[in-house]
Amino acid sequence: MCRTGKYLVPNRIRLLTMPGKAFVAILTLACLLIVCAVPVIFADSPNQAAVQQNNTLYWSPVTIQNSSETFSIEDANGINYSIYDKLGAESVHISVITAQLYLNGVPYHMANIPITFSSDNDSVAVLEADNRTRPSDANGQAKILLIAQNREGVVNITAESTIYYGHELSDTCTVHVVGWGTVSGIVTDQNRNGIPDATVTLWAWNGTANTQMLAASDNPQLSNDGTTAAPGMYTFVYVPSGSYNVTAEKEGHSYYSLFDLYDGEGTVTANVAIPDYTYITPVTPTPTPSPSPEVSSTPTPSSTALPTPTPAIPALLAAGAIGIAVLLKRK
């Protein structure tokens, strides 16, 4: 390796602006809190702690092979992968390569210093084609995307720069790319019905036993519940070539499927049928519509014709009788 100068991954502790003594005190206190908390987690719930610990692991198909202090690499987020379909790969993985300027053994925090990137194996991974000379930022860092295809191999990435006249820097890191593929399938019961929310786990297989669980952000996972795919579907992405065992478990019932993933194969289907389990679809009760309240309406009174009063005949007869009695008395 040609090395006339040196880049280093930025020392994040040194870049903090907090005063040294205060930072050390806070860091010591944080460490004590962590040391005190961990035994409690493991003692109270060892299974839960193991799951939590596994979920913190992250596996990437692209890693720096040599222990280079010059470069750092991380997965790129928010990248539109479809624009790289022209590479002809079935799937690609985008990483961010970062180079850090150093001067006299310490990070050189100077902006607008041109850093030129180059690579030697485009069949495995290729740097961004446009503008491979990037200006450093305020921290003396420059970044470039590395587009890796799903085949195994290594690629050497070199960064070169001139801080000032006569002070040229050059360093190289070796990036290892594994051949990866996608593993997908469906978890079914003994009646071939898809089982939602089954725990699906991908294990490395040595021919006789599981050796370790693949440390990936999507492992283990729950089979699809039917909202985004068919019930029981699962998918693992960026799985390196090798021999595997995928297991599925639901309510204490489990089964497995063995398969091999070869370099450049692309996609492998591994269905898992749990032979002694029957998935019963939950019955969603149909809500009974409540009767509409009757609207009480006040009847409009009808205009009934009132009877015409008739003269009181008995009263007339009585008056006539009285008059006759008076006349007779006079006589």
C-alpha atoms as a PDB file:
ATOM      1  CA  MET A   1       0.000   0.000   0.000  1.00  0.00           C
ATOM      2  CA  CYS A   2       1.227   3.405  -0.951  1.00  0.00           C
ATOM      3  CA  ARG A   3       1.152   5.661   2.125  1.00  0.00           C
ATOM      4  CA  THR A   4       2.758   9.065   2.152  1.00  0.00           C
ATOM      5  CA  GLY A   5       0.278  10.484   4.612  1.00  0.00           C
ATOM      6  CA  LYS A   6      -2.567   9.241   6.668  1.00  0.00           C
ATOM      7  CA  TYR A   7      -6.340   9.515   6.918  1.00  0.00           C
ATOM      8  CA  LEU A   8      -8.106   8.319   9.977  1.00  0.00           C
ATOM      9  CA  VAL A   9     -11.694   7.732  10.965  1.00  0.00           C
ATOM     10  CA  PRO A  10     -12.562  10.766  13.088  1.00  0.00           C
ATOM     11  CA  ASN A  11     -12.030  10.302  16.776  1.00  0.00           C
ATOM     12  CA  ARG A  12     -15.501  11.195  18.017  1.00  0.00           C
ATOM     13  CA  ILE A  13     -14.413  11.729  21.611  1.00  0.00           C
ATOM     14  CA  ARG A  14     -11.855  14.289  20.558  1.00  0.00           C
ATOM     15  CA  LEU A  15     -14.359  16.105  18.406  1.00  0.00           C
ATOM     16  CA  LEU A  16     -16.629  16.840  21.376  1.00  0.00           C
ATOM     17  CA  THR A  17     -16.516  20.453  22.505  1.00  0.00           C
ATOM     18  CA  MET A  18     -17.354  19.606  26.121  1.00  0.00           C
ATOM     19  CA  PRO A  19     -14.523  20.392  28.592  1.00  0.00           C
ATOM     20  CA  GLY A  20     -12.366  17.336  29.222  1.00  0.00           C
ATOM     21  CA  LYS A  21     -12.976  16.906  32.985  1.00  0.00           C
ATOM     22  CA  ALA A  22     -16.743  17.358  32.695  1.00  0.00           C
ATOM     23  CA  PHE A  23     -16.913  14.886  29.806  1.00  0.00           C
ATOM     24  CA  VAL A  24     -14.874  12.276  31.743  1.00  0.00           C
ATOM     25  CA  ALA A  25     -17.095  12.678  34.813  1.00  0.00           C
ATOM     26  CA  ILE A  26     -20.296  12.248  32.794  1.00  0.00           C
ATOM     27  CA  LEU A  27     -18.863   9.289  30.885  1.00  0.00           C
ATOM     28  CA  THR A  28     -17.794   7.596  34.148  1.00  0.00           C
ATOM     29  CA  LEU A  29     -21.251   8.119  35.651  1.00  0.00           C
ATOM     30  CA  ALA A  30     -22.903   6.676  32.524  1.00  0.00           C
ATOM     31  CA  CYS A  31     -20.645   3.617  32.639  1.00  0.00           C
ATOM     32  CA  LEU A  32     -21.490   3.026  36.304  1.00  0.00           C
ATOM     33  CA  LEU A  33     -25.202   3.238  35.531  1.00  0.00           C
ATOM     34  CA  ILE A  34     -24.834   0.748  32.688  1.00  0.00           C
ATOM     35  CA  VAL A  35     -22.792  -1.673  34.799  1.00  0.00           C
ATOM     36  CA  CYS A  36     -25.399  -1.525  37.554  1.00  0.00           C
ATOM     37  CA  ALA A  37     -28.362  -1.981  35.189  1.00  0.00           C
ATOM     38  CA  VAL A  38     -27.161  -4.886  33.038  1.00  0.00           C
ATOM     39  CA  PRO A  39     -27.102  -7.581  35.777  1.00  0.00           C
ATOM     40  CA  VAL A  40     -30.660  -6.685  36.720  1.00  0.00           C
ATOM     41  CA  ILE A  41     -31.860  -7.108  33.124  1.00  0.00           C
ATOM     42  CA  PHE A  42     -30.188 -10.488  32.716  1.00  0.00           C
ATOM     43  CA  ALA A  43     -31.203 -11.728  36.168  1.00  0.00           C
ATOM     44  CA  ASP A  44     -34.855 -10.742  35.900  1.00  0.00           C
ATOM     45  CA  SER A  45     -35.546 -11.882  32.349  1.00  0.00           C
ATOM     46  CA  PRO A  46     -32.706 -13.749  30.614  1.00  0.00           C
ATOM     47  CA  ASN A  47     -34.758 -14.665  27.561  1.00  0.00           C
ATOM     48  CA  GLN A  48     -35.911 -11.111  27.068  1.00  0.00           C
ATOM     49  CA  ALA A  49     -32.376  -9.831  27.553  1.00  0.00           C
ATOM     50  CA  ALA A  50     -31.092 -12.236  24.912  1.00  0.00           C
ATOM     51  CA  VAL A  51     -33.646 -10.993  22.411  1.00  0.00           C
ATOM     52  CA  GLN A  52     -32.854  -7.388  23.181  1.00  0.00           C
ATOM     53  CA  GLN A  53     -29.155  -8.059  22.787  1.00  0.00           C
ATOM     54  CA  ASN A  54     -29.677  -9.780  19.441  1.00  0.00           C
ATOM     55  CA  ASN A  55     -31.772  -6.936  18.091  1.00  0.00           C
ATOM     56  CA  THR A  56     -28.865  -4.575  18.640  1.00  0.00           C
ATOM     57  CA  LEU A  57     -26.678  -6.597  16.281  1.00  0.00           C
ATOM     58  CA  TYR A  58     -26.472  -5.369  12.740  1.00  0.00           C
ATOM     59  CA  TRP A  59     -25.005  -7.201   9.797  1.00  0.00           C
ATOM     60  CA  SER A  60     -24.071  -5.558   6.513  1.00  0.00           C
ATOM     61  CA  PRO A  61     -23.039  -7.381   3.327  1.00  0.00           C
ATOM     62  CA  VAL A  62     -20.311  -4.770   2.731  1.00  0.00           C
ATOM     63  CA  THR A  63     -17.532  -4.380   5.297  1.00  0.00           C
ATOM     64  CA  ILE A  64     -13.970  -3.065   5.444  1.00  0.00           C
ATOM     65  CA  GLN A  65     -11.762  -6.149   5.447  1.00  0.00           C
ATOM     66  CA  ASN A  66      -8.522  -4.626   6.700  1.00  0.00           C
ATOM     67  CA  SER A  67      -8.517  -2.727   9.980  1.00  0.00           C
ATOM     68  CA  SER A  68      -8.097   0.608   8.265  1.00  0.00           C
ATOM     69  CA  GLU A  69      -7.971   3.731  10.385  1.00  0.00           C
ATOM     70  CA  THR A  70      -8.337   5.733   7.230  1.00  0.00           C
ATOM     71  CA  PHE A  71     -11.891   4.978   6.202  1.00  0.00           C
ATOM     72  CA  SER A  72     -15.268   4.286   7.718  1.00  0.00           C
ATOM     73  CA  ILE A  73     -18.217   2.619   6.015  1.00  0.00           C
ATOM     74  CA  GLU A  74     -21.920   2.589   6.790  1.00  0.00           C
ATOM     75  CA  ASP A  75     -25.151   1.699   5.061  1.00  0.00           C
ATOM     76  CA  ALA A  76     -26.720   4.513   3.105  1.00  0.00           C
ATOM     77  CA  ASN A  77     -30.252   5.505   4.077  1.00  0.00           C
ATOM     78  CA  GLY A  78     -32.876   7.179   1.960  1.00  0.00           C
ATOM     79  CA  ILE A  79     -31.313   6.063  -1.334  1.00  0.00           C
ATOM     80  CA  ASN A  80     -33.463   5.451  -4.416  1.00  0.00           C
ATOM     81  CA  TYR A  81     -32.086   2.040  -5.354  1.00  0.00           C
ATOM     82  CA  SER A  82     -34.018   1.855  -8.623  1.00  0.00           C
ATOM     83  CA  ILE A  83     -31.681   4.354 -10.294  1.00  0.00           C
ATOM     84  CA  TYR A  84     -28.924   1.734 -10.111  1.00  0.00           C
ATOM     85  CA  ASP A  85     -30.846  -0.920 -12.080  1.00  0.00           C
ATOM     86  CA  LYS A  86     -28.668  -0.111 -15.092  1.00  0.00           C
ATOM     87  CA  LEU A  87     -25.855  -2.009 -13.377  1.00  0.00           C
ATOM     88  CA  GLY A  88     -27.639  -5.228 -14.303  1.00  0.00           C
ATOM     89  CA  ALA A  89     -27.608  -6.629 -10.774  1.00  0.00           C
ATOM     90  CA  GLU A  90     -30.696  -8.316  -9.409  1.00  0.00           C
ATOM     91  CA  SER A  91     -30.269  -6.255  -6.279  1.00  0.00           C
ATOM     92  CA  VAL A  92     -27.699  -3.763  -5.095  1.00  0.00           C
ATOM     93  CA  HIS A  93     -26.518  -2.458  -1.746  1.00  0.00           C
ATOM     94  CA  ILE A  94     -25.496   1.155  -1.232  1.00  0.00           C
ATOM     95  CA  SER A  95     -22.814   2.083   1.293  1.00  0.00           C
ATOM     96  CA  VAL A  96     -21.253   5.389   2.266  1.00  0.00           C
ATOM     97  CA  ILE A  97     -17.451   5.557   2.297  1.00  0.00           C
ATOM     98  CA  THR A  98     -15.991   8.336   4.477  1.00  0.00           C
ATOM     99  CA  ALA A  99     -12.361   9.514   4.405  1.00  0.00           C
ATOM    100  CA  GLN A 100     -10.869  11.755   7.086  1.00  0.00           C
ATOM    101  CA  LEU A 101      -7.958  14.109   6.531  1.00  0.00           C
ATOM    102  CA  TYR A 102      -5.115  13.927   9.049  1.00  0.00           C
ATOM    103  CA  LEU A 103      -2.154  16.232   9.494  1.00  0.00           C
ATOM    104  CA  ASN A 104       0.706  15.492  11.895  1.00  0.00           C
ATOM    105  CA  GLY A 105      -1.230  12.678  13.530  1.00  0.00           C
ATOM    106  CA  VAL A 106      -4.398  14.612  14.362  1.00  0.00           C
ATOM    107  CA  PRO A 107      -7.645  15.171  12.444  1.00  0.00           C
ATOM    108  CA  TYR A 108      -7.257  18.051  10.028  1.00  0.00           C
ATOM    109  CA  HIS A 109     -10.497  20.044  10.268  1.00  0.00           C
ATOM    110  CA  MET A 110     -10.303  21.988   7.065  1.00  0.00           C
ATOM    111  CA  ALA A 111     -13.073  22.434   4.519  1.00  0.00           C
ATOM    112  CA  ASN A 112     -12.848  22.496   0.729  1.00  0.00           C
ATOM    113  CA  ILE A 113      -9.774  20.257   0.437  1.00  0.00           C
ATOM    114  CA  PRO A 114     -10.311  18.056  -2.677  1.00  0.00           C
ATOM    115  CA  ILE A 115     -10.253  14.305  -1.960  1.00  0.00           C
ATOM    116  CA  THR A 116     -10.262  11.980  -4.971  1.00  0.00           C
ATOM    117  CA  PHE A 117     -11.633   8.431  -4.676  1.00  0.00           C
ATOM    118  CA  SER A 118     -10.854   5.492  -6.966  1.00  0.00           C
ATOM    119  CA  SER A 119     -11.510   1.722  -6.964  1.00  0.00           C
ATOM    120  CA  ASP A 120     -10.121  -1.302  -8.790  1.00  0.00           C
ATOM    121  CA  ASN A 121     -12.923  -3.873  -9.172  1.00  0.00           C
ATOM    122  CA  ASP A 122     -16.143  -2.540 -10.677  1.00  0.00           C
ATOM    123  CA  SER A 123     -17.454  -6.087 -11.229  1.00  0.00           C
ATOM    124  CA  VAL A 124     -17.922  -6.382  -7.442  1.00  0.00           C
ATOM    125  CA  ALA A 125     -18.653  -2.808  -6.385  1.00  0.00           C
ATOM    126  CA  VAL A 126     -18.470   0.519  -8.136  1.00  0.00           C
ATOM    127  CA  LEU A 127     -18.082   4.057  -6.846  1.00  0.00           C
ATOM    128  CA  GLU A 128     -20.447   6.791  -7.900  1.00  0.00           C
ATOM    129  CA  ALA A 129     -19.628   7.622 -11.479  1.00  0.00           C
ATOM    130  CA  ASP A 130     -20.254  11.347 -11.205  1.00  0.00           C
ATOM    131  CA  ASN A 131     -17.589  13.546  -9.636  1.00  0.00           C
ATOM    132  CA  ARG A 132     -15.296  11.231  -7.681  1.00  0.00           C
ATOM    133  CA  THR A 133     -13.374  14.235  -6.385  1.00  0.00           C
ATOM    134  CA  ARG A 134     -15.202  15.566  -3.362  1.00  0.00           C
ATOM    135  CA  PRO A 135     -14.398  18.624  -1.219  1.00  0.00           C
ATOM    136  CA  SER A 136     -13.899  17.988   2.482  1.00  0.00           C
ATOM    137  CA  ASP A 137     -16.426  19.383   4.920  1.00  0.00           C
ATOM    138  CA  ALA A 138     -15.726  21.429   8.042  1.00  0.00           C
ATOM    139  CA  ASN A 139     -14.508  18.263   9.812  1.00  0.00           C
ATOM    140  CA  GLY A 140     -12.061  17.423   7.035  1.00  0.00           C
ATOM    141  CA  GLN A 141     -14.211  14.536   5.782  1.00  0.00           C
ATOM    142  CA  ALA A 142     -15.392  13.597   2.309  1.00  0.00           C
ATOM    143  CA  LYS A 143     -18.009  10.972   1.451  1.00  0.00           C
ATOM    144  CA  ILE A 144     -18.841   8.911  -1.610  1.00  0.00           C
ATOM    145  CA  LEU A 145     -21.352   6.153  -2.351  1.00  0.00           C
ATOM    146  CA  LEU A 146     -20.258   2.591  -3.086  1.00  0.00           C
ATOM    147  CA  ILE A 147     -22.739   0.491  -5.084  1.00  0.00           C
ATOM    148  CA  ALA A 148     -22.156  -3.231  -4.483  1.00  0.00           C
ATOM    149  CA  GLN A 149     -23.710  -6.027  -6.529  1.00  0.00           C
ATOM    150  CA  ASN A 150     -24.820  -9.383  -5.189  1.00  0.00           C
ATOM    151  CA  ARG A 151     -21.609 -11.261  -5.864  1.00  0.00           C
ATOM    152  CA  GLU A 152     -18.736 -12.115  -3.565  1.00  0.00           C
ATOM    153  CA  GLY A 153     -15.376 -10.394  -3.877  1.00  0.00           C
ATOM    154  CA  VAL A 154     -13.179  -7.552  -2.723  1.00  0.00           C
ATOM    155  CA  VAL A 155     -12.568  -4.073  -4.031  1.00  0.00           C
ATOM    156  CA  ASN A 156      -9.733  -1.725  -3.068  1.00  0.00           C
ATOM    157  CA  ILE A 157     -10.743   1.887  -2.559  1.00  0.00           C
ATOM    158  CA  THR A 158      -8.113   4.611  -2.566  1.00  0.00           C
ATOM    159  CA  ALA A 159      -8.407   8.223  -1.454  1.00  0.00           C
ATOM    160  CA  GLU A 160      -5.847  10.848  -2.421  1.00  0.00           C
ATOM    161  CA  SER A 161      -5.483  14.494  -1.508  1.00  0.00           C
ATOM    162  CA  THR A 162      -3.024  17.370  -1.310  1.00  0.00           C
ATOM    163  CA  ILE A 163      -3.428  19.463   1.809  1.00  0.00           C
ATOM    164  CA  TYR A 164      -0.909  22.024   0.584  1.00  0.00           C
ATOM    165  CA  TYR A 165       1.838  22.112  -1.983  1.00  0.00           C
ATOM    166  CA  GLY A 166       4.226  19.202  -1.565  1.00  0.00           C
ATOM    167  CA  HIS A 167       2.107  17.473   1.140  1.00  0.00           C
ATOM    168  CA  GLU A 168       0.285  14.675  -0.683  1.00  0.00           C
ATOM    169  CA  LEU A 169      -1.769  12.041   1.094  1.00  0.00           C
ATOM    170  CA  SER A 170      -2.830   8.612  -0.153  1.00  0.00           C
ATOM    171  CA  ASP A 171      -4.314   5.554   1.533  1.00  0.00           C
ATOM    172  CA  THR A 172      -6.245   2.422   0.532  1.00  0.00           C
ATOM    173  CA  CYS A 173      -8.793   0.206   2.236  1.00  0.00           C
ATOM    174  CA  THR A 174     -10.051  -3.209   1.137  1.00  0.00           C
ATOM    175  CA  VAL A 175     -13.820  -3.644   1.143  1.00  0.00           C
ATOM    176  CA  HIS A 176     -15.234  -7.172   1.307  1.00  0.00           C
ATOM    177  CA  VAL A 177     -18.546  -7.803  -0.447  1.00  0.00           C
ATOM    178  CA  VAL A 178     -20.353 -11.065   0.216  1.00  0.00           C
ATOM    179  CA  GLY A 179     -22.483 -12.759  -2.399  1.00  0.00           C
ATOM    180  CA  TRP A 180     -26.010 -12.301  -1.108  1.00  0.00           C
ATOM    181  CA  GLY A 181     -29.550 -13.089  -2.038  1.00  0.00           C
ATOM    182  CA  THR A 182     -33.120 -12.825  -0.830  1.00  0.00           C
ATOM    183  CA  VAL A 183     -34.849 -15.625   1.068  1.00  0.00           C
ATOM    184  CA  SER A 184     -38.614 -15.658   1.156  1.00  0.00           C
ATOM    185  CA  GLY A 185     -41.446 -18.095   1.682  1.00  0.00           C
ATOM    186  CA  ILE A 186     -44.750 -18.686   3.383  1.00  0.00           C
ATOM    187  CA  VAL A 187     -45.535 -20.277   6.732  1.00  0.00           C
ATOM    188  CA  THR A 188     -48.578 -22.585   6.545  1.00  0.00           C
ATOM    189  CA  ASP A 189     -50.486 -24.931   8.849  1.00  0.00           C
ATOM    190  CA  GLN A 190     -51.462 -28.549   8.195  1.00  0.00           C
ATOM    191  CA  ASN A 191     -54.343 -27.349   6.015  1.00  0.00           C
ATOM    192  CA  ARG A 192     -51.999 -25.172   3.916  1.00  0.00           C
ATOM    193  CA  ASN A 193     -53.457 -21.976   5.306  1.00  0.00           C
ATOM    194  CA  GLY A 194     -51.076 -19.077   5.745  1.00  0.00           C
ATOM    195  CA  ILE A 195     -50.210 -18.412   9.391  1.00  0.00           C
ATOM    196  CA  PRO A 196     -49.889 -14.722  10.319  1.00  0.00           C
ATOM    197  CA  ASP A 197     -47.592 -13.473  13.097  1.00  0.00           C
ATOM    198  CA  ALA A 198     -45.500 -16.653  13.270  1.00  0.00           C
ATOM    199  CA  THR A 199     -41.937 -16.077  14.527  1.00  0.00           C
ATOM    200  CA  VAL A 200     -39.561 -16.778  11.625  1.00  0.00           C
ATOM    201  CA  THR A 201     -35.833 -17.111  12.356  1.00  0.00           C
ATOM    202  CA  LEU A 202     -32.917 -17.654   9.958  1.00  0.00           C
ATOM    203  CA  TRP A 203     -30.021 -19.808  11.217  1.00  0.00           C
ATOM    204  CA  ALA A 204     -26.658 -20.706   9.724  1.00  0.00           C
ATOM    205  CA  TRP A 205     -26.560 -24.504   9.226  1.00  0.00           C
ATOM    206  CA  ASN A 206     -23.421 -26.661   9.299  1.00  0.00           C
ATOM    207  CA  GLY A 207     -25.055 -29.836   8.025  1.00  0.00           C
ATOM    208  CA  THR A 208     -26.022 -31.247  11.412  1.00  0.00           C
ATOM    209  CA  ALA A 209     -27.090 -28.333  13.613  1.00  0.00           C
ATOM    210  CA  ASN A 210     -27.770 -24.612  13.750  1.00  0.00           C
ATOM    211  CA  THR A 211     -24.535 -22.741  14.422  1.00  0.00           C
ATOM    212  CA  GLN A 212     -25.769 -19.207  14.953  1.00  0.00           C
ATOM    213  CA  MET A 213     -28.622 -16.912  14.120  1.00  0.00           C
ATOM    214  CA  LEU A 214     -27.882 -14.574  11.242  1.00  0.00           C
ATOM    215  CA  ALA A 215     -27.250 -11.198  12.880  1.00  0.00           C
ATOM    216  CA  ALA A 216     -29.456  -9.003  10.717  1.00  0.00           C
ATOM    217  CA  SER A 217     -31.914  -6.250  11.529  1.00  0.00           C
ATOM    218  CA  ASP A 218     -34.803  -8.288  10.074  1.00  0.00           C
ATOM    219  CA  ASN A 219     -34.012 -11.526  11.948  1.00  0.00           C
ATOM    220  CA  PRO A 220     -36.163 -12.809  13.603  1.00  0.00           C
ATOM    221  CA  GLN A 221     -39.361 -11.440  12.143  1.00  0.00           C
ATOM    222  CA  LEU A 222     -43.104 -12.075  12.207  1.00  0.00           C
ATOM    223  CA  SER A 223     -44.812 -13.541   9.176  1.00  0.00           C
ATOM    224  CA  ASN A 224     -47.122 -11.146   7.403  1.00  0.00           C
ATOM    225  CA  ASP A 225     -50.585 -10.664   8.841  1.00  0.00           C
ATOM    226  CA  GLY A 226     -52.099  -9.969   5.449  1.00  0.00           C
ATOM    227  CA  THR A 227     -51.862  -6.196   5.508  1.00  0.00           C
ATOM    228  CA  THR A 228     -48.926  -5.850   3.067  1.00  0.00           C
ATOM    229  CA  ALA A 229     -48.624  -9.379   1.619  1.00  0.00           C
ATOM    230  CA  ALA A 230     -50.304 -12.766   1.754  1.00  0.00           C
ATOM    231  CA  PRO A 231     -50.805 -14.086   5.307  1.00  0.00           C
ATOM    232  CA  GLY A 232     -47.797 -16.124   6.400  1.00  0.00           C
ATOM    233  CA  MET A 233     -45.294 -14.522   4.002  1.00  0.00           C
ATOM    234  CA  TYR A 234     -41.766 -13.633   5.192  1.00  0.00           C
ATOM    235  CA  THR A 235     -38.675 -12.163   3.488  1.00  0.00           C
ATOM    236  CA  PHE A 236     -35.020 -11.883   4.511  1.00  0.00           C
ATOM    237  CA  VAL A 237     -32.822  -9.567   2.439  1.00  0.00           C
ATOM    238  CA  TYR A 238     -29.037  -9.367   1.998  1.00  0.00           C
ATOM    239  CA  VAL A 239     -28.464 -12.977   3.062  1.00  0.00           C
ATOM    240  CA  PRO A 240     -24.881 -14.070   2.267  1.00  0.00           C
ATOM    241  CA  SER A 241     -24.302 -17.279   0.336  1.00  0.00           C
ATOM    242  CA  GLY A 242     -24.209 -20.391   2.499  1.00  0.00           C
ATOM    243  CA  SER A 243     -26.321 -23.135   4.071  1.00  0.00           C
ATOM    244  CA  TYR A 244     -29.278 -22.145   6.213  1.00  0.00           C
ATOM    245  CA  ASN A 245     -32.168 -23.397   8.290  1.00  0.00           C
ATOM    246  CA  VAL A 246     -35.281 -21.251   8.555  1.00  0.00           C
ATOM    247  CA  THR A 247     -37.596 -22.042  11.461  1.00  0.00           C
ATOM    248  CA  ALA A 248     -41.162 -20.924  12.123  1.00  0.00           C
ATOM    249  CA  GLU A 249     -42.951 -21.038  15.466  1.00  0.00           C
ATOM    250  CA  LYS A 250     -46.538 -20.300  16.426  1.00  0.00           C
ATOM    251  CA  GLU A 251     -48.083 -20.915  19.845  1.00  0.00           C
ATOM    252  CA  GLY A 252     -45.519 -23.558  20.768  1.00  0.00           C
ATOM    253  CA  HIS A 253     -45.710 -25.391  17.415  1.00  0.00           C
ATOM    254  CA  SER A 254     -42.662 -25.172  15.161  1.00  0.00           C
ATOM    255  CA  TYR A 255     -41.043 -26.609  12.049  1.00  0.00           C
ATOM    256  CA  TYR A 256     -38.148 -25.837   9.714  1.00  0.00           C
ATOM    257  CA  SER A 257     -36.845 -25.781   6.149  1.00  0.00           C
ATOM    258  CA  LEU A 258     -33.219 -26.341   5.035  1.00  0.00           C
ATOM    259  CA  PHE A 259     -31.768 -24.699   1.929  1.00  0.00           C
ATOM    260  CA  ASP A 260     -28.545 -23.531   0.272  1.00  0.00           C
ATOM    261  CA  LEU A 261     -28.003 -20.045  -1.121  1.00  0.00           C
ATOM    262  CA  TYR A 262     -25.333 -19.901  -3.811  1.00  0.00           C
ATOM    263  CA  ASP A 263     -23.297 -16.892  -4.887  1.00  0.00           C
ATOM    264  CA  GLY A 264     -25.261 -14.872  -7.416  1.00  0.00           C
ATOM    265  CA  GLU A 265     -28.352 -17.080  -7.162  1.00  0.00           C
ATOM    266  CA  GLY A 266     -30.596 -14.156  -6.302  1.00  0.00           C
ATOM    267  CA  THR A 267     -33.779 -15.370  -4.651  1.00  0.00           C
ATOM    268  CA  VAL A 268     -34.449 -18.625  -2.812  1.00  0.00           C
ATOM    269  CA  THR A 269     -37.906 -19.831  -1.770  1.00  0.00           C
ATOM    270  CA  ALA A 270     -38.113 -21.725   1.534  1.00  0.00           C
ATOM    271  CA  ASN A 271     -41.660 -22.509   2.640  1.00  0.00           C
ATOM    272  CA  VAL A 272     -42.286 -23.823   6.154  1.00  0.00           C
ATOM    273  CA  ALA A 273     -45.343 -26.006   6.843  1.00  0.00           C
ATOM    274  CA  ILE A 274     -46.056 -26.648  10.523  1.00  0.00           C
ATOM    275  CA  PRO A 275     -47.563 -30.176  10.433  1.00  0.00           C
ATOM    276  CA  ASP A 276     -49.270 -30.274  13.840  1.00  0.00           C
ATOM    277  CA  TYR A 277     -50.837 -26.839  13.904  1.00  0.00           C
ATOM    278  CA  THR A 278     -54.175 -25.584  12.657  1.00  0.00           C
ATOM    279  CA  TYR A 279     -54.667 -21.887  12.367  1.00  0.00           C
ATOM    280  CA  ILE A 280     -58.156 -20.791  13.300  1.00  0.00           C
ATOM    281  CA  THR A 281     -59.115 -17.522  11.751  1.00  0.00           C
ATOM    282  CA  PRO A 282     -60.466 -15.207  14.418  1.00  0.00           C
ATOM    283  CA  VAL A 283     -64.154 -14.538  13.917  1.00  0.00           C
ATOM    284  CA  THR A 284     -64.828 -10.863  13.872  1.00  0.00           C
ATOM    285  CA  PRO A 285     -68.334 -10.322  15.239  1.00  0.00           C
ATOM    286  CA  THR A 286     -70.552  -8.395  12.906  1.00  0.00           C
ATOM    287  CA  PRO A 287     -71.940  -5.457  14.805  1.00  0.00           C
ATOM    288  CA  THR A 288     -75.737  -5.523  15.045  1.00  0.00           C
ATOM    289  CA  PRO A 289     -77.127  -2.191  14.007  1.00  0.00           C
ATOM    290  CA  SER A 290     -79.004  -0.562  16.850  1.00  0.00           C
ATOM    291  CA  PRO A 291     -82.650   0.247  16.097  1.00  0.00           C
ATOM    292  CA  SER A 292     -83.308   3.785  15.136  1.00  0.00           C
ATOM    293  CA  PRO A 293     -85.182   5.651  17.833  1.00  0.00           C
ATOM    294  CA  GLU A 294     -88.752   6.360  16.926  1.00  0.00           C
ATOM    295  CA  VAL A 295     -89.489   9.968  16.435  1.00  0.00           C
ATOM    296  CA  SER A 296     -92.532  10.930  18.510  1.00  0.00           C
ATOM    297  CA  SER A 297     -94.638  13.311  16.510  1.00  0.00           C
ATOM    298  CA  THR A 298     -97.463  15.352  18.067  1.00  0.00           C
ATOM    299  CA  PRO A 299    -100.600  14.789  15.991  1.00  0.00           C
ATOM    300  CA  THR A 300    -102.082  17.874  14.491  1.00  0.00           C
ATOM    301  CA  PRO A 301    -105.615  18.332  15.841  1.00  0.00           C
ATOM    302  CA  SER A 302    -108.208  18.014  13.108  1.00  0.00           C
ATOM    303  CA  SER A 303    -110.771  20.732  12.764  1.00  0.00           C
ATOM    304  CA  THR A 304    -113.998  18.883  13.774  1.00  0.00           C
ATOM    305  CA  ALA A 305    -117.196  20.826  13.198  1.00  0.00           C
ATOM    306  CA  LEU A 306    -118.940  21.599  16.461  1.00  0.00           C
ATOM    307  CA  PRO A 307    -122.716  20.691  16.617  1.00  0.00           C
ATOM    308  CA  THR A 308    -125.180  23.532  16.427  1.00  0.00           C
ATOM    309  CA  PRO A 309    -126.955  23.917  19.772  1.00  0.00           C
ATOM    310  CA  THR A 310    -130.635  22.854  19.702  1.00  0.00           C
ATOM    311  CA  PRO A 311    -133.280  24.773  21.809  1.00  0.00           C
ATOM    312  CA  ALA A 312    -133.971  23.041  25.111  1.00  0.00           C
ATOM    313  CA  ILE A 313    -137.423  21.430  24.624  1.00  0.00           C
ATOM    314  CA  PRO A 314    -137.929  20.427  28.294  1.00  0.00           C
ATOM    315  CA  ALA A 315    -137.293  23.979  29.346  1.00  0.00           C
ATOM    316  CA  LEU A 316    -139.946  25.238  26.923  1.00  0.00           C
ATOM    317  CA  LEU A 317    -142.452  22.676  28.151  1.00  0.00           C
ATOM    318  CA  ALA A 318    -141.801  23.715  31.750  1.00  0.00           C
ATOM    319  CA  ALA A 319    -142.263  27.375  30.886  1.00  0.00           C
ATOM    320  CA  GLY A 320    -145.539  26.582  29.065  1.00  0.00           C
ATOM    321  CA  ALA A 321    -146.821  24.577  32.033  1.00  0.00           C
ATOM    322  CA  ILE A 322    -146.118  27.448  34.385  1.00  0.00           C
ATOM    323  CA  GLY A 323    -147.934  29.876  32.109  1.00  0.00           C
ATOM    324  CA  ILE A 324    -151.054  27.649  31.941  1.00  0.00           C
ATOM    325  CA  ALA A 325    -151.037  27.281  35.725  1.00  0.00           C
ATOM    326  CA  VAL A 326    -151.041  31.076  36.129  1.00  0.00           C
ATOM    327  CA  LEU A 327    -153.984  31.532  33.762  1.00  0.00           C
ATOM    328  CA  LEU A 328    -156.069  28.902  35.532  1.00  0.00           C
ATOM    329  CA  LYS A 329    -155.417  30.511  38.910  1.00  0.00           C
ATOM    330  CA  ARG A 330    -156.717  33.867  37.637  1.00  0.00           C
ATOM    331  CA  LYS A 331    -159.919  32.316  36.638  1.00  0.00           C
END
